[in-house]
Amino acid sequence: MAHEHDIDDEHDHDHDHDHDHNIDEALEEALEMDTQSEIFLEMRRQNLELLRIATDVAGYSGDHGPLKPGDMRNAMKTIWEVFSEFYAWIDPEEDDEDDEDEDEDEE
């Protein structure tokens, strides 16, 4: 015959188990969020570095005077074209997805 004390012990054990499970779940979610944040920040750092390289390759870095107002759009377009080409080399899957989108637009 189960005593009231035994039932309370089982209830406490179940409650502790649920509490531990909730803590584990919360820690897991926090770790996943932290990992996703780190990946996002690393991708941004890589994009900024790639943008700096594209600016160098396009010839808009180093020792030269400021751009004239009419030259800004041309400079940005040139830098974007170089950046996009480099990005396609680094992440060809991204470029393939863009091509698929363009194919769908043409149909």
PDB file of N, CA and C in Angstrom:
ATOM      1  N   MET A   1       0.837  -1.179   0.000  1.00  0.00           N
ATOM      2  CA  MET A   1       0.000   0.000   0.000  1.00  0.00           C
ATOM      3  C   MET A   1       0.881   1.241   0.000  1.00  0.00           C
ATOM      4  N   ALA A   2       0.573   2.167  -0.891  1.00  0.00           N
ATOM      5  CA  ALA A   2       1.390   3.368  -1.000  1.00  0.00           C
ATOM      6  C   ALA A   2       1.044   4.330   0.122  1.00  0.00           C
ATOM      7  N   HIS A   3       2.059   4.845   0.695  1.00  0.00           N
ATOM      8  CA  HIS A   3       1.856   5.850   1.737  1.00  0.00           C
ATOM      9  C   HIS A   3       1.820   7.230   1.092  1.00  0.00           C
ATOM     10  N   GLU A   4       1.177   8.145   1.819  1.00  0.00           N
ATOM     11  CA  GLU A   4       1.084   9.530   1.320  1.00  0.00           C
ATOM     12  C   GLU A   4       2.476  10.106   1.092  1.00  0.00           C
ATOM     13  N   HIS A   5       3.420   9.744   1.923  1.00  0.00           N
ATOM     14  CA  HIS A   5       4.802  10.231   1.811  1.00  0.00           C
ATOM     15  C   HIS A   5       5.431   9.765   0.496  1.00  0.00           C
ATOM     16  N   ASP A   6       5.179   8.494   0.099  1.00  0.00           N
ATOM     17  CA  ASP A   6       5.709   7.954  -1.149  1.00  0.00           C
ATOM     18  C   ASP A   6       5.142   8.708  -2.350  1.00  0.00           C
ATOM     19  N   ILE A   7       3.865   9.047  -2.310  1.00  0.00           N
ATOM     20  CA  ILE A   7       3.227   9.770  -3.413  1.00  0.00           C
ATOM     21  C   ILE A   7       3.827  11.166  -3.540  1.00  0.00           C
ATOM     22  N   ASP A   8       4.060  11.830  -2.410  1.00  0.00           N
ATOM     23  CA  ASP A   8       4.685  13.153  -2.423  1.00  0.00           C
ATOM     24  C   ASP A   8       6.096  13.079  -3.011  1.00  0.00           C
ATOM     25  N   ASP A   9       6.845  12.037  -2.664  1.00  0.00           N
ATOM     26  CA  ASP A   9       8.197  11.869  -3.214  1.00  0.00           C
ATOM     27  C   ASP A   9       8.158  11.707  -4.729  1.00  0.00           C
ATOM     28  N   GLU A  10       7.186  10.920  -5.222  1.00  0.00           N
ATOM     29  CA  GLU A  10       7.053  10.733  -6.670  1.00  0.00           C
ATOM     30  C   GLU A  10       6.695  12.053  -7.346  1.00  0.00           C
ATOM     31  N   HIS A  11       5.782  12.802  -6.727  1.00  0.00           N
ATOM     32  CA  HIS A  11       5.380  14.097  -7.282  1.00  0.00           C
ATOM     33  C   HIS A  11       6.570  15.062  -7.326  1.00  0.00           C
ATOM     34  N   ASP A  12       7.344  15.103  -6.237  1.00  0.00           N
ATOM     35  CA  ASP A  12       8.531  15.969  -6.194  1.00  0.00           C
ATOM     36  C   ASP A  12       9.540  15.563  -7.257  1.00  0.00           C
ATOM     37  N   HIS A  13       9.710  14.250  -7.450  1.00  0.00           N
ATOM     38  CA  HIS A  13      10.655  13.752  -8.459  1.00  0.00           C
ATOM     39  C   HIS A  13      10.206  14.186  -9.861  1.00  0.00           C
ATOM     40  N   ASP A  14       8.890  14.022 -10.135  1.00  0.00           N
ATOM     41  CA  ASP A  14       8.359  14.441 -11.442  1.00  0.00           C
ATOM     42  C   ASP A  14       8.520  15.944 -11.633  1.00  0.00           C
ATOM     43  N   HIS A  15       8.249  16.711 -10.584  1.00  0.00           N
ATOM     44  CA  HIS A  15       8.374  18.168 -10.666  1.00  0.00           C
ATOM     45  C   HIS A  15       9.833  18.564 -10.926  1.00  0.00           C
ATOM     46  N   ASP A  16      10.770  17.918 -10.214  1.00  0.00           N
ATOM     47  CA  ASP A  16      12.195  18.195 -10.422  1.00  0.00           C
ATOM     48  C   ASP A  16      12.611  17.847 -11.848  1.00  0.00           C
ATOM     49  N   HIS A  17      12.117  16.717 -12.346  1.00  0.00           N
ATOM     50  CA  HIS A  17      12.458  16.287 -13.702  1.00  0.00           C
ATOM     51  C   HIS A  17      11.942  17.300 -14.735  1.00  0.00           C
ATOM     52  N   ASP A  18      10.678  17.749 -14.548  1.00  0.00           N
ATOM     53  CA  ASP A  18      10.106  18.753 -15.458  1.00  0.00           C
ATOM     54  C   ASP A  18      10.896  20.050 -15.397  1.00  0.00           C
ATOM     55  N   HIS A  19      11.258  20.453 -14.179  1.00  0.00           N
ATOM     56  CA  HIS A  19      12.028  21.689 -13.995  1.00  0.00           C
ATOM     57  C   HIS A  19      13.391  21.582 -14.678  1.00  0.00           C
ATOM     58  N   ASP A  20      14.076  20.451 -14.470  1.00  0.00           N
ATOM     59  CA  ASP A  20      15.378  20.225 -15.112  1.00  0.00           C
ATOM     60  C   ASP A  20      15.241  20.229 -16.630  1.00  0.00           C
ATOM     61  N   HIS A  21      14.176  19.601 -17.125  1.00  0.00           N
ATOM     62  CA  HIS A  21      13.939  19.555 -18.574  1.00  0.00           C
ATOM     63  C   HIS A  21      13.723  20.972 -19.121  1.00  0.00           C
ATOM     64  N   ASN A  22      12.948  21.782 -18.399  1.00  0.00           N
ATOM     65  CA  ASN A  22      12.700  23.162 -18.836  1.00  0.00           C
ATOM     66  C   ASN A  22      13.988  23.978 -18.844  1.00  0.00           C
ATOM     67  N   ILE A  23      14.824  23.783 -17.841  1.00  0.00           N
ATOM     68  CA  ILE A  23      16.111  24.492 -17.791  1.00  0.00           C
ATOM     69  C   ILE A  23      16.992  24.057 -18.961  1.00  0.00           C
ATOM     70  N   ASP A  24      17.059  22.741 -19.205  1.00  0.00           N
ATOM     71  CA  ASP A  24      17.852  22.226 -20.319  1.00  0.00           C
ATOM     72  C   ASP A  24      17.354  22.794 -21.651  1.00  0.00           C
ATOM     73  N   GLU A  25      16.032  22.833 -21.797  1.00  0.00           N
ATOM     74  CA  GLU A  25      15.438  23.355 -23.024  1.00  0.00           C
ATOM     75  C   GLU A  25      15.765  24.842 -23.204  1.00  0.00           C
ATOM     76  N   ALA A  26      15.669  25.609 -22.124  1.00  0.00           N
ATOM     77  CA  ALA A  26      15.974  27.043 -22.180  1.00  0.00           C
ATOM     78  C   ALA A  26      17.453  27.276 -22.515  1.00  0.00           C
ATOM     79  N   LEU A  27      18.328  26.478 -21.912  1.00  0.00           N
ATOM     80  CA  LEU A  27      19.761  26.593 -22.201  1.00  0.00           C
ATOM     81  C   LEU A  27      20.054  26.248 -23.659  1.00  0.00           C
ATOM     82  N   GLU A  28      19.396  25.212 -24.145  1.00  0.00           N
ATOM     83  CA  GLU A  28      19.578  24.799 -25.536  1.00  0.00           C
ATOM     84  C   GLU A  28      19.126  25.905 -26.497  1.00  0.00           C
ATOM     85  N   GLU A  29      17.976  26.511 -26.205  1.00  0.00           N
ATOM     86  CA  GLU A  29      17.474  27.604 -27.048  1.00  0.00           C
ATOM     87  C   GLU A  29      18.418  28.805 -27.008  1.00  0.00           C
ATOM     88  N   ALA A  30      18.925  29.134 -25.825  1.00  0.00           N
ATOM     89  CA  ALA A  30      19.848  30.258 -25.681  1.00  0.00           C
ATOM     90  C   ALA A  30      21.141  29.994 -26.453  1.00  0.00           C
ATOM     91  N   LEU A  31      21.630  28.766 -26.371  1.00  0.00           N
ATOM     92  CA  LEU A  31      22.851  28.403 -27.093  1.00  0.00           C
ATOM     93  C   LEU A  31      22.619  28.495 -28.602  1.00  0.00           C
ATOM     94  N   GLU A  32      21.460  28.026 -29.060  1.00  0.00           N
ATOM     95  CA  GLU A  32      21.134  28.091 -30.484  1.00  0.00           C
ATOM     96  C   GLU A  32      21.049  29.549 -30.946  1.00  0.00           C
ATOM     97  N   MET A  33      20.405  30.405 -30.144  1.00  0.00           N
ATOM     98  CA  MET A  33      20.299  31.826 -30.486  1.00  0.00           C
ATOM     99  C   MET A  33      21.688  32.456 -30.542  1.00  0.00           C
ATOM    100  N   ASP A  34      22.545  32.110 -29.569  1.00  0.00           N
ATOM    101  CA  ASP A  34      23.898  32.643 -29.530  1.00  0.00           C
ATOM    102  C   ASP A  34      24.680  32.192 -30.761  1.00  0.00           C
ATOM    103  N   THR A  35      24.533  30.920 -31.128  1.00  0.00           N
ATOM    104  CA  THR A  35      25.220  30.384 -32.301  1.00  0.00           C
ATOM    105  C   THR A  35      24.732  31.082 -33.571  1.00  0.00           C
ATOM    106  N   GLN A  36      23.419  31.266 -33.684  1.00  0.00           N
ATOM    107  CA  GLN A  36      22.868  31.956 -34.853  1.00  0.00           C
ATOM    108  C   GLN A  36      23.364  33.400 -34.920  1.00  0.00           C
ATOM    109  N   SER A  37      23.438  34.053 -33.773  1.00  0.00           N
ATOM    110  CA  SER A  37      23.938  35.429 -33.726  1.00  0.00           C
ATOM    111  C   SER A  37      25.399  35.495 -34.157  1.00  0.00           C
ATOM    112  N   GLU A  38      26.180  34.551 -33.667  1.00  0.00           N
ATOM    113  CA  GLU A  38      27.601  34.513 -34.040  1.00  0.00           C
ATOM    114  C   GLU A  38      27.771  34.280 -35.541  1.00  0.00           C
ATOM    115  N   ILE A  39      26.976  33.375 -36.098  1.00  0.00           N
ATOM    116  CA  ILE A  39      27.040  33.111 -37.539  1.00  0.00           C
ATOM    117  C   ILE A  39      26.660  34.366 -38.315  1.00  0.00           C
ATOM    118  N   PHE A  40      25.585  35.029 -37.891  1.00  0.00           N
ATOM    119  CA  PHE A  40      25.128  36.254 -38.544  1.00  0.00           C
ATOM    120  C   PHE A  40      26.226  37.319 -38.499  1.00  0.00           C
ATOM    121  N   LEU A  41      26.825  37.528 -37.325  1.00  0.00           N
ATOM    122  CA  LEU A  41      27.869  38.545 -37.188  1.00  0.00           C
ATOM    123  C   LEU A  41      29.101  38.193 -38.014  1.00  0.00           C
ATOM    124  N   GLU A  42      29.470  36.923 -38.053  1.00  0.00           N
ATOM    125  CA  GLU A  42      30.620  36.499 -38.854  1.00  0.00           C
ATOM    126  C   GLU A  42      30.358  36.734 -40.339  1.00  0.00           C
ATOM    127  N   MET A  43      29.136  36.447 -40.787  1.00  0.00           N
ATOM    128  CA  MET A  43      28.802  36.685 -42.196  1.00  0.00           C
ATOM    129  C   MET A  43      28.886  38.178 -42.507  1.00  0.00           C
ATOM    130  N   ARG A  44      28.432  39.015 -41.586  1.00  0.00           N
ATOM    131  CA  ARG A  44      28.501  40.466 -41.794  1.00  0.00           C
ATOM    132  C   ARG A  44      29.951  40.922 -41.863  1.00  0.00           C
ATOM    133  N   ARG A  45      30.797  40.389 -40.984  1.00  0.00           N
ATOM    134  CA  ARG A  45      32.231  40.742 -41.009  1.00  0.00           C
ATOM    135  C   ARG A  45      32.851  40.341 -42.349  1.00  0.00           C
ATOM    136  N   GLN A  46      32.503  39.153 -42.828  1.00  0.00           N
ATOM    137  CA  GLN A  46      33.032  38.690 -44.107  1.00  0.00           C
ATOM    138  C   GLN A  46      32.543  39.578 -45.253  1.00  0.00           C
ATOM    139  N   ASN A  47      31.271  39.976 -45.207  1.00  0.00           N
ATOM    140  CA  ASN A  47      30.743  40.860 -46.254  1.00  0.00           C
ATOM    141  C   ASN A  47      31.433  42.217 -46.242  1.00  0.00           C
ATOM    142  N   LEU A  48      31.703  42.749 -45.062  1.00  0.00           N
ATOM    143  CA  LEU A  48      32.402  44.030 -44.975  1.00  0.00           C
ATOM    144  C   LEU A  48      33.828  43.913 -45.514  1.00  0.00           C
ATOM    145  N   GLU A  49      34.487  42.817 -45.200  1.00  0.00           N
ATOM    146  CA  GLU A  49      35.841  42.591 -45.719  1.00  0.00           C
ATOM    147  C   GLU A  49      35.801  42.455 -47.241  1.00  0.00           C
ATOM    148  N   LEU A  50      34.829  41.735 -47.748  1.00  0.00           N
ATOM    149  CA  LEU A  50      34.673  41.575 -49.193  1.00  0.00           C
ATOM    150  C   LEU A  50      34.374  42.921 -49.851  1.00  0.00           C
ATOM    151  N   LEU A  51      33.575  43.737 -49.196  1.00  0.00           N
ATOM    152  CA  LEU A  51      33.270  45.067 -49.721  1.00  0.00           C
ATOM    153  C   LEU A  51      34.536  45.931 -49.766  1.00  0.00           C
ATOM    154  N   ARG A  52      35.376  45.830 -48.735  1.00  0.00           N
ATOM    155  CA  ARG A  52      36.642  46.573 -48.724  1.00  0.00           C
ATOM    156  C   ARG A  52      37.532  46.122 -49.887  1.00  0.00           C
ATOM    157  N   ILE A  53      37.595  44.819 -50.108  1.00  0.00           N
ATOM    158  CA  ILE A  53      38.395  44.286 -51.215  1.00  0.00           C
ATOM    159  C   ILE A  53      37.829  44.760 -52.552  1.00  0.00           C
ATOM    160  N   ALA A  54      36.505  44.725 -52.696  1.00  0.00           N
ATOM    161  CA  ALA A  54      35.865  45.180 -53.940  1.00  0.00           C
ATOM    162  C   ALA A  54      36.160  46.654 -54.179  1.00  0.00           C
ATOM    163  N   THR A  55      36.159  47.442 -53.114  1.00  0.00           N
ATOM    164  CA  THR A  55      36.480  48.874 -53.242  1.00  0.00           C
ATOM    165  C   THR A  55      37.918  49.054 -53.715  1.00  0.00           C
ATOM    166  N   ASP A  56      38.830  48.254 -53.170  1.00  0.00           N
ATOM    167  CA  ASP A  56      40.239  48.315 -53.602  1.00  0.00           C
ATOM    168  C   ASP A  56      40.367  47.942 -55.080  1.00  0.00           C
ATOM    169  N   VAL A  57      39.737  46.827 -55.464  1.00  0.00           N
ATOM    170  CA  VAL A  57      39.839  46.332 -56.837  1.00  0.00           C
ATOM    171  C   VAL A  57      39.222  47.330 -57.826  1.00  0.00           C
ATOM    172  N   ALA A  58      38.123  47.952 -57.416  1.00  0.00           N
ATOM    173  CA  ALA A  58      37.455  48.914 -58.293  1.00  0.00           C
ATOM    174  C   ALA A  58      38.233  50.229 -58.394  1.00  0.00           C
ATOM    175  N   GLY A  59      39.247  50.380 -57.554  1.00  0.00           N
ATOM    176  CA  GLY A  59      40.103  51.559 -57.641  1.00  0.00           C
ATOM    177  C   GLY A  59      39.611  52.757 -56.844  1.00  0.00           C
ATOM    178  N   TYR A  60      38.743  52.534 -55.867  1.00  0.00           N
ATOM    179  CA  TYR A  60      38.195  53.643 -55.096  1.00  0.00           C
ATOM    180  C   TYR A  60      38.721  53.695 -53.669  1.00  0.00           C
ATOM    181  N   SER A  61      39.914  53.189 -53.453  1.00  0.00           N
ATOM    182  CA  SER A  61      40.523  53.309 -52.131  1.00  0.00           C
ATOM    183  C   SER A  61      41.921  53.879 -52.315  1.00  0.00           C
ATOM    184  N   GLY A  62      42.572  54.173 -51.236  1.00  0.00           N
ATOM    185  CA  GLY A  62      43.927  54.693 -51.333  1.00  0.00           C
ATOM    186  C   GLY A  62      43.953  56.213 -51.326  1.00  0.00           C
ATOM    187  N   ASP A  63      45.043  56.744 -51.842  1.00  0.00           N
ATOM    188  CA  ASP A  63      45.263  58.185 -51.809  1.00  0.00           C
ATOM    189  C   ASP A  63      44.730  58.855 -53.060  1.00  0.00           C
ATOM    190  N   HIS A  64      43.535  59.356 -52.985  1.00  0.00           N
ATOM    191  CA  HIS A  64      42.995  60.208 -54.037  1.00  0.00           C
ATOM    192  C   HIS A  64      41.973  61.126 -53.388  1.00  0.00           C
ATOM    193  N   GLY A  65      41.672  62.191 -54.040  1.00  0.00           N
ATOM    194  CA  GLY A  65      40.743  63.164 -53.479  1.00  0.00           C
ATOM    195  C   GLY A  65      39.339  62.617 -53.366  1.00  0.00           C
ATOM    196  N   PRO A  66      38.490  63.385 -52.725  1.00  0.00           N
ATOM    197  CA  PRO A  66      37.097  62.937 -52.605  1.00  0.00           C
ATOM    198  C   PRO A  66      36.422  62.877 -53.968  1.00  0.00           C
ATOM    199  N   LEU A  67      35.421  62.025 -54.065  1.00  0.00           N
ATOM    200  CA  LEU A  67      34.675  61.892 -55.317  1.00  0.00           C
ATOM    201  C   LEU A  67      33.840  63.142 -55.557  1.00  0.00           C
ATOM    202  N   LYS A  68      33.695  63.478 -56.812  1.00  0.00           N
ATOM    203  CA  LYS A  68      32.804  64.575 -57.188  1.00  0.00           C
ATOM    204  C   LYS A  68      31.374  64.063 -57.059  1.00  0.00           C
ATOM    205  N   PRO A  69      30.422  64.961 -56.827  1.00  0.00           N
ATOM    206  CA  PRO A  69      29.030  64.514 -56.624  1.00  0.00           C
ATOM    207  C   PRO A  69      28.508  63.619 -57.748  1.00  0.00           C
ATOM    208  N   GLY A  70      28.818  63.883 -58.979  1.00  0.00           N
ATOM    209  CA  GLY A  70      28.327  63.082 -60.091  1.00  0.00           C
ATOM    210  C   GLY A  70      29.010  61.727 -60.206  1.00  0.00           C
ATOM    211  N   ASP A  71      30.152  61.569 -59.560  1.00  0.00           N
ATOM    212  CA  ASP A  71      30.915  60.318 -59.650  1.00  0.00           C
ATOM    213  C   ASP A  71      30.455  59.259 -58.643  1.00  0.00           C
ATOM    214  N   MET A  72      29.691  59.673 -57.657  1.00  0.00           N
ATOM    215  CA  MET A  72      29.314  58.761 -56.581  1.00  0.00           C
ATOM    216  C   MET A  72      28.496  57.573 -57.088  1.00  0.00           C
ATOM    217  N   ARG A  73      27.481  57.830 -57.893  1.00  0.00           N
ATOM    218  CA  ARG A  73      26.626  56.743 -58.397  1.00  0.00           C
ATOM    219  C   ARG A  73      27.454  55.751 -59.215  1.00  0.00           C
ATOM    220  N   ASN A  74      28.320  56.229 -60.059  1.00  0.00           N
ATOM    221  CA  ASN A  74      29.171  55.372 -60.883  1.00  0.00           C
ATOM    222  C   ASN A  74      30.111  54.535 -60.006  1.00  0.00           C
ATOM    223  N   ALA A  75      30.682  55.167 -58.985  1.00  0.00           N
ATOM    224  CA  ALA A  75      31.583  54.450 -58.085  1.00  0.00           C
ATOM    225  C   ALA A  75      30.832  53.340 -57.354  1.00  0.00           C
ATOM    226  N   MET A  76      29.652  53.644 -56.828  1.00  0.00           N
ATOM    227  CA  MET A  76      28.873  52.649 -56.100  1.00  0.00           C
ATOM    228  C   MET A  76      28.473  51.491 -57.018  1.00  0.00           C
ATOM    229  N   LYS A  77      28.098  51.811 -58.238  1.00  0.00           N
ATOM    230  CA  LYS A  77      27.714  50.765 -59.193  1.00  0.00           C
ATOM    231  C   LYS A  77      28.903  49.849 -59.500  1.00  0.00           C
ATOM    232  N   THR A  78      30.055  50.449 -59.723  1.00  0.00           N
ATOM    233  CA  THR A  78      31.260  49.668 -60.023  1.00  0.00           C
ATOM    234  C   THR A  78      31.648  48.786 -58.836  1.00  0.00           C
ATOM    235  N   ILE A  79      31.627  49.358 -57.642  1.00  0.00           N
ATOM    236  CA  ILE A  79      31.968  48.591 -56.438  1.00  0.00           C
ATOM    237  C   ILE A  79      30.973  47.445 -56.260  1.00  0.00           C
ATOM    238  N   TRP A  80      29.671  47.721 -56.463  1.00  0.00           N
ATOM    239  CA  TRP A  80      28.651  46.679 -56.310  1.00  0.00           C
ATOM    240  C   TRP A  80      28.863  45.545 -57.320  1.00  0.00           C
ATOM    241  N   GLU A  81      29.204  45.886 -58.545  1.00  0.00           N
ATOM    242  CA  GLU A  81      29.442  44.859 -59.562  1.00  0.00           C
ATOM    243  C   GLU A  81      30.614  43.961 -59.175  1.00  0.00           C
ATOM    244  N   VAL A  82      31.706  44.563 -58.684  1.00  0.00           N
ATOM    245  CA  VAL A  82      32.870  43.778 -58.260  1.00  0.00           C
ATOM    246  C   VAL A  82      32.497  42.925 -57.042  1.00  0.00           C
ATOM    247  N   PHE A  83      31.824  43.541 -56.065  1.00  0.00           N
ATOM    248  CA  PHE A  83      31.399  42.814 -54.868  1.00  0.00           C
ATOM    249  C   PHE A  83      30.525  41.624 -55.246  1.00  0.00           C
ATOM    250  N   SER A  84      29.547  41.844 -56.111  1.00  0.00           N
ATOM    251  CA  SER A  84      28.616  40.780 -56.520  1.00  0.00           C
ATOM    252  C   SER A  84      29.347  39.634 -57.201  1.00  0.00           C
ATOM    253  N   GLU A  85      30.313  39.970 -58.029  1.00  0.00           N
ATOM    254  CA  GLU A  85      31.084  38.931 -58.724  1.00  0.00           C
ATOM    255  C   GLU A  85      31.890  38.110 -57.718  1.00  0.00           C
ATOM    256  N   PHE A  86      32.564  38.792 -56.789  1.00  0.00           N
ATOM    257  CA  PHE A  86      33.312  38.079 -55.757  1.00  0.00           C
ATOM    258  C   PHE A  86      32.384  37.217 -54.914  1.00  0.00           C
ATOM    259  N   TYR A  87      31.241  37.754 -54.543  1.00  0.00           N
ATOM    260  CA  TYR A  87      30.297  37.030 -53.708  1.00  0.00           C
ATOM    261  C   TYR A  87      29.803  35.766 -54.414  1.00  0.00           C
ATOM    262  N   ALA A  88      29.581  35.867 -55.717  1.00  0.00           N
ATOM    263  CA  ALA A  88      29.143  34.700 -56.496  1.00  0.00           C
ATOM    264  C   ALA A  88      30.227  33.617 -56.500  1.00  0.00           C
ATOM    265  N   TRP A  89      31.487  34.030 -56.495  1.00  0.00           N
ATOM    266  CA  TRP A  89      32.572  33.052 -56.439  1.00  0.00           C
ATOM    267  C   TRP A  89      32.610  32.373 -55.075  1.00  0.00           C
ATOM    268  N   ILE A  90      32.372  33.136 -54.035  1.00  0.00           N
ATOM    269  CA  ILE A  90      32.461  32.621 -52.671  1.00  0.00           C
ATOM    270  C   ILE A  90      31.263  31.758 -52.324  1.00  0.00           C
ATOM    271  N   ASP A  91      30.068  32.175 -52.753  1.00  0.00           N
ATOM    272  CA  ASP A  91      28.841  31.460 -52.413  1.00  0.00           C
ATOM    273  C   ASP A  91      28.044  31.187 -53.682  1.00  0.00           C
ATOM    274  N   PRO A  92      28.495  30.213 -54.494  1.00  0.00           N
ATOM    275  CA  PRO A  92      27.839  29.949 -55.771  1.00  0.00           C
ATOM    276  C   PRO A  92      26.382  29.522 -55.631  1.00  0.00           C
ATOM    277  N   GLU A  93      26.006  28.917 -54.493  1.00  0.00           N
ATOM    278  CA  GLU A  93      24.609  28.531 -54.299  1.00  0.00           C
ATOM    279  C   GLU A  93      23.709  29.754 -54.312  1.00  0.00           C
ATOM    280  N   GLU A  94      24.156  30.829 -53.713  1.00  0.00           N
ATOM    281  CA  GLU A  94      23.389  32.076 -53.698  1.00  0.00           C
ATOM    282  C   GLU A  94      23.175  32.567 -55.122  1.00  0.00           C
ATOM    283  N   ASP A  95      24.195  32.482 -55.946  1.00  0.00           N
ATOM    284  CA  ASP A  95      24.098  32.910 -57.341  1.00  0.00           C
ATOM    285  C   ASP A  95      23.130  32.007 -58.110  1.00  0.00           C
ATOM    286  N   ASP A  96      23.167  30.695 -57.845  1.00  0.00           N
ATOM    287  CA  ASP A  96      22.244  29.757 -58.502  1.00  0.00           C
ATOM    288  C   ASP A  96      20.796  30.099 -58.166  1.00  0.00           C
ATOM    289  N   GLU A  97      20.528  30.452 -56.908  1.00  0.00           N
ATOM    290  CA  GLU A  97      19.167  30.825 -56.506  1.00  0.00           C
ATOM    291  C   GLU A  97      18.721  32.077 -57.248  1.00  0.00           C
ATOM    292  N   ASP A  98      19.635  33.048 -57.402  1.00  0.00           N
ATOM    293  CA  ASP A  98      19.311  34.265 -58.147  1.00  0.00           C
ATOM    294  C   ASP A  98      18.990  33.936 -59.592  1.00  0.00           C
ATOM    295  N   ASP A  99      19.759  33.016 -60.195  1.00  0.00           N
ATOM    296  CA  ASP A  99      19.516  32.621 -61.584  1.00  0.00           C
ATOM    297  C   ASP A  99      18.148  31.978 -61.723  1.00  0.00           C
ATOM    298  N   GLU A 100      17.769  31.137 -60.731  1.00  0.00           N
ATOM    299  CA  GLU A 100      16.457  30.494 -60.771  1.00  0.00           C
ATOM    300  C   GLU A 100      15.352  31.539 -60.701  1.00  0.00           C
ATOM    301  N   ASP A 101      15.537  32.552 -59.843  1.00  0.00           N
ATOM    302  CA  ASP A 101      14.540  33.623 -59.734  1.00  0.00           C
ATOM    303  C   ASP A 101      14.407  34.357 -61.057  1.00  0.00           C
ATOM    304  N   GLU A 102      15.543  34.621 -61.726  1.00  0.00           N
ATOM    305  CA  GLU A 102      15.515  35.315 -62.998  1.00  0.00           C
ATOM    306  C   GLU A 102      14.827  34.463 -64.059  1.00  0.00           C
ATOM    307  N   ASP A 103      15.085  33.134 -64.036  1.00  0.00           N
ATOM    308  CA  ASP A 103      14.448  32.228 -64.989  1.00  0.00           C
ATOM    309  C   ASP A 103      12.942  32.258 -64.820  1.00  0.00           C
ATOM    310  N   GLU A 104      12.461  32.277 -63.577  1.00  0.00           N
ATOM    311  CA  GLU A 104      11.031  32.323 -63.317  1.00  0.00           C
ATOM    312  C   GLU A 104      10.425  33.627 -63.809  1.00  0.00           C
ATOM    313  N   ASP A 105      11.178  34.733 -63.659  1.00  0.00           N
ATOM    314  CA  ASP A 105      10.690  36.031 -64.121  1.00  0.00           C
ATOM    315  C   ASP A 105      10.548  36.084 -65.625  1.00  0.00           C
ATOM    316  N   GLU A 106      11.425  35.365 -66.334  1.00  0.00           N
ATOM    317  CA  GLU A 106      11.421  35.402 -67.791  1.00  0.00           C
ATOM    318  C   GLU A 106      10.259  34.616 -68.383  1.00  0.00           C
ATOM    319  N   GLU A 107       9.735  33.625 -67.639  1.00  0.00           N
ATOM    320  CA  GLU A 107       8.669  32.759 -68.162  1.00  0.00           C
ATOM    321  C   GLU A 107       7.355  33.480 -68.269  1.00  0.00           C
TER     322      GLU A 107
END
